Amino acid sequence: MIIAVIFNTLILIVYASLVLAILYHYRKYSLLGDRYRWVVNIFLMTTIILFVLSYLIIIFFIDWESLKPENLREQNFFRIF
């Protein structure tokens, strides 16, 4: 489950960097004021919604009790092989 959380966070970081690159491109090369604001708002709202949904999933669907150190020792979590 922790690997899924890390993977999800990495996907969101990549998405955010792509959004920033697209917004920079639009601001520098094409859109005028009003159209630029619409594009920015759509991308930012999508990013915010993805982050909120992801972290709600992280908060409510991870069994946090199983991640306590004493429980991890019982599950041999720290064993490499």
PDB file of N, CA and C in Angstrom:
ATOM      1  N   MET A   1       0.824  -1.195   0.000  1.00  0.00           N
ATOM      2  CA  MET A   1       0.000   0.000   0.000  1.00  0.00           C
ATOM      3  C   MET A   1       0.871   1.263   0.000  1.00  0.00           C
ATOM      4  N   ILE A   2       1.980   1.225   0.726  1.00  0.00           N
ATOM      5  CA  ILE A   2       2.869   2.387   0.757  1.00  0.00           C
ATOM      6  C   ILE A   2       3.450   2.643  -0.633  1.00  0.00           C
ATOM      7  N   ILE A   3       3.773   1.585  -1.346  1.00  0.00           N
ATOM      8  CA  ILE A   3       4.311   1.751  -2.696  1.00  0.00           C
ATOM      9  C   ILE A   3       3.268   2.410  -3.596  1.00  0.00           C
ATOM     10  N   ALA A   4       2.006   2.051  -3.426  1.00  0.00           N
ATOM     11  CA  ALA A   4       0.937   2.680  -4.208  1.00  0.00           C
ATOM     12  C   ALA A   4       0.813   4.165  -3.877  1.00  0.00           C
ATOM     13  N   VAL A   5       0.977   4.514  -2.613  1.00  0.00           N
ATOM     14  CA  VAL A   5       0.915   5.925  -2.209  1.00  0.00           C
ATOM     15  C   VAL A   5       2.065   6.703  -2.832  1.00  0.00           C
ATOM     16  N   ILE A   6       3.262   6.143  -2.781  1.00  0.00           N
ATOM     17  CA  ILE A   6       4.426   6.815  -3.366  1.00  0.00           C
ATOM     18  C   ILE A   6       4.245   6.953  -4.876  1.00  0.00           C
ATOM     19  N   PHE A   7       3.778   5.902  -5.521  1.00  0.00           N
ATOM     20  CA  PHE A   7       3.546   5.940  -6.963  1.00  0.00           C
ATOM     21  C   PHE A   7       2.494   6.986  -7.320  1.00  0.00           C
ATOM     22  N   ASN A   8       1.427   7.051  -6.546  1.00  0.00           N
ATOM     23  CA  ASN A   8       0.369   8.032  -6.777  1.00  0.00           C
ATOM     24  C   ASN A   8       0.910   9.451  -6.625  1.00  0.00           C
ATOM     25  N   THR A   9       1.721   9.681  -5.609  1.00  0.00           N
ATOM     26  CA  THR A   9       2.308  11.002  -5.403  1.00  0.00           C
ATOM     27  C   THR A   9       3.224  11.373  -6.561  1.00  0.00           C
ATOM     28  N   LEU A  10       4.010  10.429  -7.049  1.00  0.00           N
ATOM     29  CA  LEU A  10       4.880  10.706  -8.191  1.00  0.00           C
ATOM     30  C   LEU A  10       4.071  11.047  -9.440  1.00  0.00           C
ATOM     31  N   ILE A  11       2.977  10.343  -9.655  1.00  0.00           N
ATOM     32  CA  ILE A  11       2.117  10.653 -10.802  1.00  0.00           C
ATOM     33  C   ILE A  11       1.570  12.074 -10.686  1.00  0.00           C
ATOM     34  N   LEU A  12       1.158  12.461  -9.489  1.00  0.00           N
ATOM     35  CA  LEU A  12       0.630  13.815  -9.300  1.00  0.00           C
ATOM     36  C   LEU A  12       1.710  14.872  -9.507  1.00  0.00           C
ATOM     37  N   ILE A  13       2.935  14.585  -9.086  1.00  0.00           N
ATOM     38  CA  ILE A  13       4.035  15.534  -9.294  1.00  0.00           C
ATOM     39  C   ILE A  13       4.324  15.687 -10.785  1.00  0.00           C
ATOM     40  N   VAL A  14       4.332  14.581 -11.515  1.00  0.00           N
ATOM     41  CA  VAL A  14       4.550  14.643 -12.966  1.00  0.00           C
ATOM     42  C   VAL A  14       3.415  15.416 -13.632  1.00  0.00           C
ATOM     43  N   TYR A  15       2.175  15.153 -13.211  1.00  0.00           N
ATOM     44  CA  TYR A  15       1.039  15.879 -13.776  1.00  0.00           C
ATOM     45  C   TYR A  15       1.165  17.380 -13.500  1.00  0.00           C
ATOM     46  N   ALA A  16       1.533  17.737 -12.283  1.00  0.00           N
ATOM     47  CA  ALA A  16       1.670  19.154 -11.940  1.00  0.00           C
ATOM     48  C   ALA A  16       2.769  19.811 -12.771  1.00  0.00           C
ATOM     49  N   SER A  17       3.882  19.118 -12.994  1.00  0.00           N
ATOM     50  CA  SER A  17       4.951  19.703 -13.805  1.00  0.00           C
ATOM     51  C   SER A  17       4.515  19.862 -15.263  1.00  0.00           C
ATOM     52  N   LEU A  18       3.741  18.907 -15.779  1.00  0.00           N
ATOM     53  CA  LEU A  18       3.219  19.057 -17.139  1.00  0.00           C
ATOM     54  C   LEU A  18       2.244  20.223 -17.240  1.00  0.00           C
ATOM     55  N   VAL A  19       1.415  20.383 -16.231  1.00  0.00           N
ATOM     56  CA  VAL A  19       0.482  21.512 -16.210  1.00  0.00           C
ATOM     57  C   VAL A  19       1.249  22.827 -16.206  1.00  0.00           C
ATOM     58  N   LEU A  20       2.283  22.919 -15.385  1.00  0.00           N
ATOM     59  CA  LEU A  20       3.079  24.148 -15.349  1.00  0.00           C
ATOM     60  C   LEU A  20       3.753  24.416 -16.690  1.00  0.00           C
ATOM     61  N   ALA A  21       4.245  23.377 -17.350  1.00  0.00           N
ATOM     62  CA  ALA A  21       4.873  23.557 -18.655  1.00  0.00           C
ATOM     63  C   ALA A  21       3.861  24.044 -19.694  1.00  0.00           C
ATOM     64  N   ILE A  22       2.666  23.460 -19.676  1.00  0.00           N
ATOM     65  CA  ILE A  22       1.627  23.883 -20.627  1.00  0.00           C
ATOM     66  C   ILE A  22       1.207  25.323 -20.361  1.00  0.00           C
ATOM     67  N   LEU A  23       1.032  25.670 -19.093  1.00  0.00           N
ATOM     68  CA  LEU A  23       0.637  27.039 -18.769  1.00  0.00           C
ATOM     69  C   LEU A  23       1.716  28.039 -19.158  1.00  0.00           C
ATOM     70  N   TYR A  24       2.971  27.681 -18.954  1.00  0.00           N
ATOM     71  CA  TYR A  24       4.068  28.559 -19.354  1.00  0.00           C
ATOM     72  C   TYR A  24       4.056  28.748 -20.872  1.00  0.00           C
ATOM     73  N   HIS A  25       3.846  27.674 -21.595  1.00  0.00           N
ATOM     74  CA  HIS A  25       3.808  27.755 -23.055  1.00  0.00           C
ATOM     75  C   HIS A  25       2.664  28.657 -23.518  1.00  0.00           C
ATOM     76  N   TYR A  26       1.472  28.471 -22.951  1.00  0.00           N
ATOM     77  CA  TYR A  26       0.334  29.295 -23.353  1.00  0.00           C
ATOM     78  C   TYR A  26       0.559  30.765 -23.016  1.00  0.00           C
ATOM     79  N   ARG A  27       1.124  31.009 -21.851  1.00  0.00           N
ATOM     80  CA  ARG A  27       1.328  32.403 -21.464  1.00  0.00           C
ATOM     81  C   ARG A  27       2.365  33.064 -22.362  1.00  0.00           C
ATOM     82  N   LYS A  28       3.400  32.317 -22.704  1.00  0.00           N
ATOM     83  CA  LYS A  28       4.485  32.909 -23.469  1.00  0.00           C
ATOM     84  C   LYS A  28       4.146  33.068 -24.949  1.00  0.00           C
ATOM     85  N   TYR A  29       3.440  32.096 -25.528  1.00  0.00           N
ATOM     86  CA  TYR A  29       3.313  32.075 -26.977  1.00  0.00           C
ATOM     87  C   TYR A  29       1.949  32.415 -27.544  1.00  0.00           C
ATOM     88  N   SER A  30       0.842  32.181 -26.804  1.00  0.00           N
ATOM     89  CA  SER A  30      -0.393  32.323 -27.557  1.00  0.00           C
ATOM     90  C   SER A  30      -1.505  33.096 -26.870  1.00  0.00           C
ATOM     91  N   LEU A  31      -2.097  32.566 -25.856  1.00  0.00           N
ATOM     92  CA  LEU A  31      -3.407  33.036 -25.434  1.00  0.00           C
ATOM     93  C   LEU A  31      -3.419  34.470 -24.938  1.00  0.00           C
ATOM     94  N   LEU A  32      -4.518  35.113 -25.231  1.00  0.00           N
ATOM     95  CA  LEU A  32      -4.738  36.450 -24.715  1.00  0.00           C
ATOM     96  C   LEU A  32      -5.360  36.341 -23.335  1.00  0.00           C
ATOM     97  N   GLY A  33      -5.542  37.459 -22.668  1.00  0.00           N
ATOM     98  CA  GLY A  33      -5.955  37.508 -21.279  1.00  0.00           C
ATOM     99  C   GLY A  33      -7.074  36.589 -20.838  1.00  0.00           C
ATOM    100  N   ASP A  34      -8.260  36.731 -21.423  1.00  0.00           N
ATOM    101  CA  ASP A  34      -9.416  35.989 -20.927  1.00  0.00           C
ATOM    102  C   ASP A  34      -9.300  34.493 -21.209  1.00  0.00           C
ATOM    103  N   ARG A  35      -8.867  34.143 -22.409  1.00  0.00           N
ATOM    104  CA  ARG A  35      -8.698  32.718 -22.730  1.00  0.00           C
ATOM    105  C   ARG A  35      -7.613  32.099 -21.861  1.00  0.00           C
ATOM    106  N   TYR A  36      -6.579  32.844 -21.594  1.00  0.00           N
ATOM    107  CA  TYR A  36      -5.498  32.342 -20.737  1.00  0.00           C
ATOM    108  C   TYR A  36      -6.029  32.010 -19.346  1.00  0.00           C
ATOM    109  N   ARG A  37      -6.860  32.870 -18.793  1.00  0.00           N
ATOM    110  CA  ARG A  37      -7.416  32.619 -17.459  1.00  0.00           C
ATOM    111  C   ARG A  37      -8.280  31.367 -17.443  1.00  0.00           C
ATOM    112  N   TRP A  38      -9.047  31.119 -18.504  1.00  0.00           N
ATOM    113  CA  TRP A  38      -9.864  29.900 -18.562  1.00  0.00           C
ATOM    114  C   TRP A  38      -8.988  28.652 -18.571  1.00  0.00           C
ATOM    115  N   VAL A  39      -7.933  28.665 -19.366  1.00  0.00           N
ATOM    116  CA  VAL A  39      -7.033  27.510 -19.437  1.00  0.00           C
ATOM    117  C   VAL A  39      -6.365  27.283 -18.086  1.00  0.00           C
ATOM    118  N   VAL A  40      -5.891  28.353 -17.472  1.00  0.00           N
ATOM    119  CA  VAL A  40      -5.245  28.240 -16.159  1.00  0.00           C
ATOM    120  C   VAL A  40      -6.219  27.671 -15.138  1.00  0.00           C
ATOM    121  N   ASN A  41      -7.419  28.186 -15.096  1.00  0.00           N
ATOM    122  CA  ASN A  41      -8.400  27.715 -14.111  1.00  0.00           C
ATOM    123  C   ASN A  41      -8.775  26.253 -14.321  1.00  0.00           C
ATOM    124  N   ILE A  42      -8.925  25.830 -15.562  1.00  0.00           N
ATOM    125  CA  ILE A  42      -9.261  24.423 -15.821  1.00  0.00           C
ATOM    126  C   ILE A  42      -8.146  23.507 -15.344  1.00  0.00           C
ATOM    127  N   PHE A  43      -6.907  23.820 -15.697  1.00  0.00           N
ATOM    128  CA  PHE A  43      -5.790  22.977 -15.280  1.00  0.00           C
ATOM    129  C   PHE A  43      -5.592  23.004 -13.769  1.00  0.00           C
ATOM    130  N   LEU A  44      -5.710  24.162 -13.167  1.00  0.00           N
ATOM    131  CA  LEU A  44      -5.516  24.241 -11.719  1.00  0.00           C
ATOM    132  C   LEU A  44      -6.622  23.517 -10.961  1.00  0.00           C
ATOM    133  N   MET A  45      -7.852  23.649 -11.408  1.00  0.00           N
ATOM    134  CA  MET A  45      -8.937  22.932 -10.736  1.00  0.00           C
ATOM    135  C   MET A  45      -8.777  21.421 -10.885  1.00  0.00           C
ATOM    136  N   THR A  46      -8.355  20.968 -12.060  1.00  0.00           N
ATOM    137  CA  THR A  46      -8.108  19.536 -12.246  1.00  0.00           C
ATOM    138  C   THR A  46      -7.005  19.056 -11.314  1.00  0.00           C
ATOM    139  N   THR A  47      -5.953  19.822 -11.196  1.00  0.00           N
ATOM    140  CA  THR A  47      -4.851  19.456 -10.304  1.00  0.00           C
ATOM    141  C   THR A  47      -5.313  19.412  -8.858  1.00  0.00           C
ATOM    142  N   ILE A  48      -6.047  20.406  -8.434  1.00  0.00           N
ATOM    143  CA  ILE A  48      -6.522  20.450  -7.049  1.00  0.00           C
ATOM    144  C   ILE A  48      -7.449  19.272  -6.760  1.00  0.00           C
ATOM    145  N   ILE A  49      -8.352  18.979  -7.679  1.00  0.00           N
ATOM    146  CA  ILE A  49      -9.271  17.851  -7.478  1.00  0.00           C
ATOM    147  C   ILE A  49      -8.509  16.536  -7.393  1.00  0.00           C
ATOM    148  N   LEU A  50      -7.512  16.341  -8.262  1.00  0.00           N
ATOM    149  CA  LEU A  50      -6.717  15.111  -8.209  1.00  0.00           C
ATOM    150  C   LEU A  50      -5.961  14.984  -6.893  1.00  0.00           C
ATOM    151  N   PHE A  51      -5.363  16.082  -6.422  1.00  0.00           N
ATOM    152  CA  PHE A  51      -4.636  16.035  -5.153  1.00  0.00           C
ATOM    153  C   PHE A  51      -5.578  15.731  -3.991  1.00  0.00           C
ATOM    154  N   VAL A  52      -6.717  16.378  -3.953  1.00  0.00           N
ATOM    155  CA  VAL A  52      -7.659  16.157  -2.848  1.00  0.00           C
ATOM    156  C   VAL A  52      -8.176  14.724  -2.853  1.00  0.00           C
ATOM    157  N   LEU A  53      -8.575  14.224  -4.007  1.00  0.00           N
ATOM    158  CA  LEU A  53      -9.057  12.843  -4.079  1.00  0.00           C
ATOM    159  C   LEU A  53      -7.971  11.848  -3.695  1.00  0.00           C
ATOM    160  N   SER A  54      -6.773  12.089  -4.154  1.00  0.00           N
ATOM    161  CA  SER A  54      -5.677  11.170  -3.836  1.00  0.00           C
ATOM    162  C   SER A  54      -5.400  11.124  -2.349  1.00  0.00           C
ATOM    163  N   TYR A  55      -5.336  12.265  -1.718  1.00  0.00           N
ATOM    164  CA  TYR A  55      -5.004  12.259  -0.303  1.00  0.00           C
ATOM    165  C   TYR A  55      -6.183  11.852   0.569  1.00  0.00           C
ATOM    166  N   LEU A  56      -7.406  12.016   0.099  1.00  0.00           N
ATOM    167  CA  LEU A  56      -8.536  11.418   0.816  1.00  0.00           C
ATOM    168  C   LEU A  56      -8.452   9.896   0.773  1.00  0.00           C
ATOM    169  N   ILE A  57      -8.069   9.370  -0.380  1.00  0.00           N
ATOM    170  CA  ILE A  57      -7.877   7.923  -0.487  1.00  0.00           C
ATOM    171  C   ILE A  57      -6.760   7.474   0.438  1.00  0.00           C
ATOM    172  N   ILE A  58      -5.671   8.216   0.463  1.00  0.00           N
ATOM    173  CA  ILE A  58      -4.550   7.856   1.337  1.00  0.00           C
ATOM    174  C   ILE A  58      -4.976   7.873   2.793  1.00  0.00           C
ATOM    175  N   ILE A  59      -5.700   8.888   3.201  1.00  0.00           N
ATOM    176  CA  ILE A  59      -6.080   9.021   4.611  1.00  0.00           C
ATOM    177  C   ILE A  59      -7.067   7.946   5.031  1.00  0.00           C
ATOM    178  N   PHE A  60      -8.064   7.663   4.203  1.00  0.00           N
ATOM    179  CA  PHE A  60      -9.155   6.803   4.651  1.00  0.00           C
ATOM    180  C   PHE A  60      -9.023   5.328   4.277  1.00  0.00           C
ATOM    181  N   PHE A  61      -8.185   4.983   3.315  1.00  0.00           N
ATOM    182  CA  PHE A  61      -8.133   3.591   2.884  1.00  0.00           C
ATOM    183  C   PHE A  61      -6.874   2.848   3.301  1.00  0.00           C
ATOM    184  N   ILE A  62      -5.936   3.526   3.940  1.00  0.00           N
ATOM    185  CA  ILE A  62      -4.750   2.835   4.456  1.00  0.00           C
ATOM    186  C   ILE A  62      -5.033   2.413   5.884  1.00  0.00           C
ATOM    187  N   ASP A  63      -4.694   1.178   6.191  1.00  0.00           N
ATOM    188  CA  ASP A  63      -4.823   0.690   7.559  1.00  0.00           C
ATOM    189  C   ASP A  63      -3.602   1.170   8.342  1.00  0.00           C
ATOM    190  N   TRP A  64      -3.741   2.324   8.990  1.00  0.00           N
ATOM    191  CA  TRP A  64      -2.604   2.953   9.657  1.00  0.00           C
ATOM    192  C   TRP A  64      -2.127   2.151  10.860  1.00  0.00           C
ATOM    193  N   GLU A  65      -2.999   1.355  11.444  1.00  0.00           N
ATOM    194  CA  GLU A  65      -2.592   0.520  12.579  1.00  0.00           C
ATOM    195  C   GLU A  65      -1.547  -0.508  12.155  1.00  0.00           C
ATOM    196  N   SER A  66      -1.662  -0.994  10.941  1.00  0.00           N
ATOM    197  CA  SER A  66      -0.710  -2.007  10.480  1.00  0.00           C
ATOM    198  C   SER A  66       0.663  -1.418  10.193  1.00  0.00           C
ATOM    199  N   LEU A  67       0.781  -0.094  10.161  1.00  0.00           N
ATOM    200  CA  LEU A  67       2.060   0.543   9.872  1.00  0.00           C
ATOM    201  C   LEU A  67       2.834   0.943  11.123  1.00  0.00           C
ATOM    202  N   LYS A  68       2.306   0.641  12.292  1.00  0.00           N
ATOM    203  CA  LYS A  68       3.051   0.914  13.516  1.00  0.00           C
ATOM    204  C   LYS A  68       4.265  -0.005  13.566  1.00  0.00           C
ATOM    205  N   PRO A  69       5.378   0.462  14.143  1.00  0.00           N
ATOM    206  CA  PRO A  69       6.610  -0.342  14.139  1.00  0.00           C
ATOM    207  C   PRO A  69       6.445  -1.735  14.735  1.00  0.00           C
ATOM    208  N   GLU A  70       5.677  -1.869  15.814  1.00  0.00           N
ATOM    209  CA  GLU A  70       5.525  -3.194  16.415  1.00  0.00           C
ATOM    210  C   GLU A  70       4.761  -4.148  15.498  1.00  0.00           C
ATOM    211  N   ASN A  71       3.808  -3.617  14.747  1.00  0.00           N
ATOM    212  CA  ASN A  71       3.071  -4.460  13.800  1.00  0.00           C
ATOM    213  C   ASN A  71       3.925  -4.830  12.592  1.00  0.00           C
ATOM    214  N   LEU A  72       4.804  -3.911  12.187  1.00  0.00           N
ATOM    215  CA  LEU A  72       5.677  -4.209  11.059  1.00  0.00           C
ATOM    216  C   LEU A  72       6.678  -5.298  11.422  1.00  0.00           C
ATOM    217  N   ARG A  73       7.153  -5.287  12.664  1.00  0.00           N
ATOM    218  CA  ARG A  73       8.067  -6.344  13.101  1.00  0.00           C
ATOM    219  C   ARG A  73       7.375  -7.698  13.075  1.00  0.00           C
ATOM    220  N   GLU A  74       6.111  -7.735  13.493  1.00  0.00           N
ATOM    221  CA  GLU A  74       5.358  -8.992  13.491  1.00  0.00           C
ATOM    222  C   GLU A  74       5.162  -9.524  12.072  1.00  0.00           C
ATOM    223  N   GLN A  75       5.044  -8.634  11.116  1.00  0.00           N
ATOM    224  CA  GLN A  75       4.809  -9.049   9.734  1.00  0.00           C
ATOM    225  C   GLN A  75       6.114  -9.288   8.977  1.00  0.00           C
ATOM    226  N   ASN A  76       7.254  -9.189   9.653  1.00  0.00           N
ATOM    227  CA  ASN A  76       8.575  -9.326   9.020  1.00  0.00           C
ATOM    228  C   ASN A  76       8.750  -8.324   7.883  1.00  0.00           C
ATOM    229  N   PHE A  77       8.251  -7.118   8.096  1.00  0.00           N
ATOM    230  CA  PHE A  77       8.315  -6.081   7.073  1.00  0.00           C
ATOM    231  C   PHE A  77       9.749  -5.651   6.809  1.00  0.00           C
ATOM    232  N   PHE A  78      10.592  -5.692   7.848  1.00  0.00           N
ATOM    233  CA  PHE A  78      11.954  -5.202   7.718  1.00  0.00           C
ATOM    234  C   PHE A  78      12.903  -6.266   7.170  1.00  0.00           C
ATOM    235  N   ARG A  79      12.423  -7.459   6.958  1.00  0.00           N
ATOM    236  CA  ARG A  79      13.258  -8.516   6.403  1.00  0.00           C
ATOM    237  C   ARG A  79      13.459  -8.237   4.915  1.00  0.00           C
ATOM    238  N   ILE A  80      14.694  -8.284   4.467  1.00  0.00           N
ATOM    239  CA  ILE A  80      14.989  -7.956   3.069  1.00  0.00           C
ATOM    240  C   ILE A  80      14.612  -9.108   2.153  1.00  0.00           C
ATOM    241  N   PHE A  81      15.025 -10.307   2.492  1.00  0.00           N
ATOM    242  CA  PHE A  81      14.716 -11.472   1.652  1.00  0.00           C
ATOM    243  C   PHE A  81      13.936 -12.486   2.428  1.00  0.00           C
TER     244      PHE A  81
END
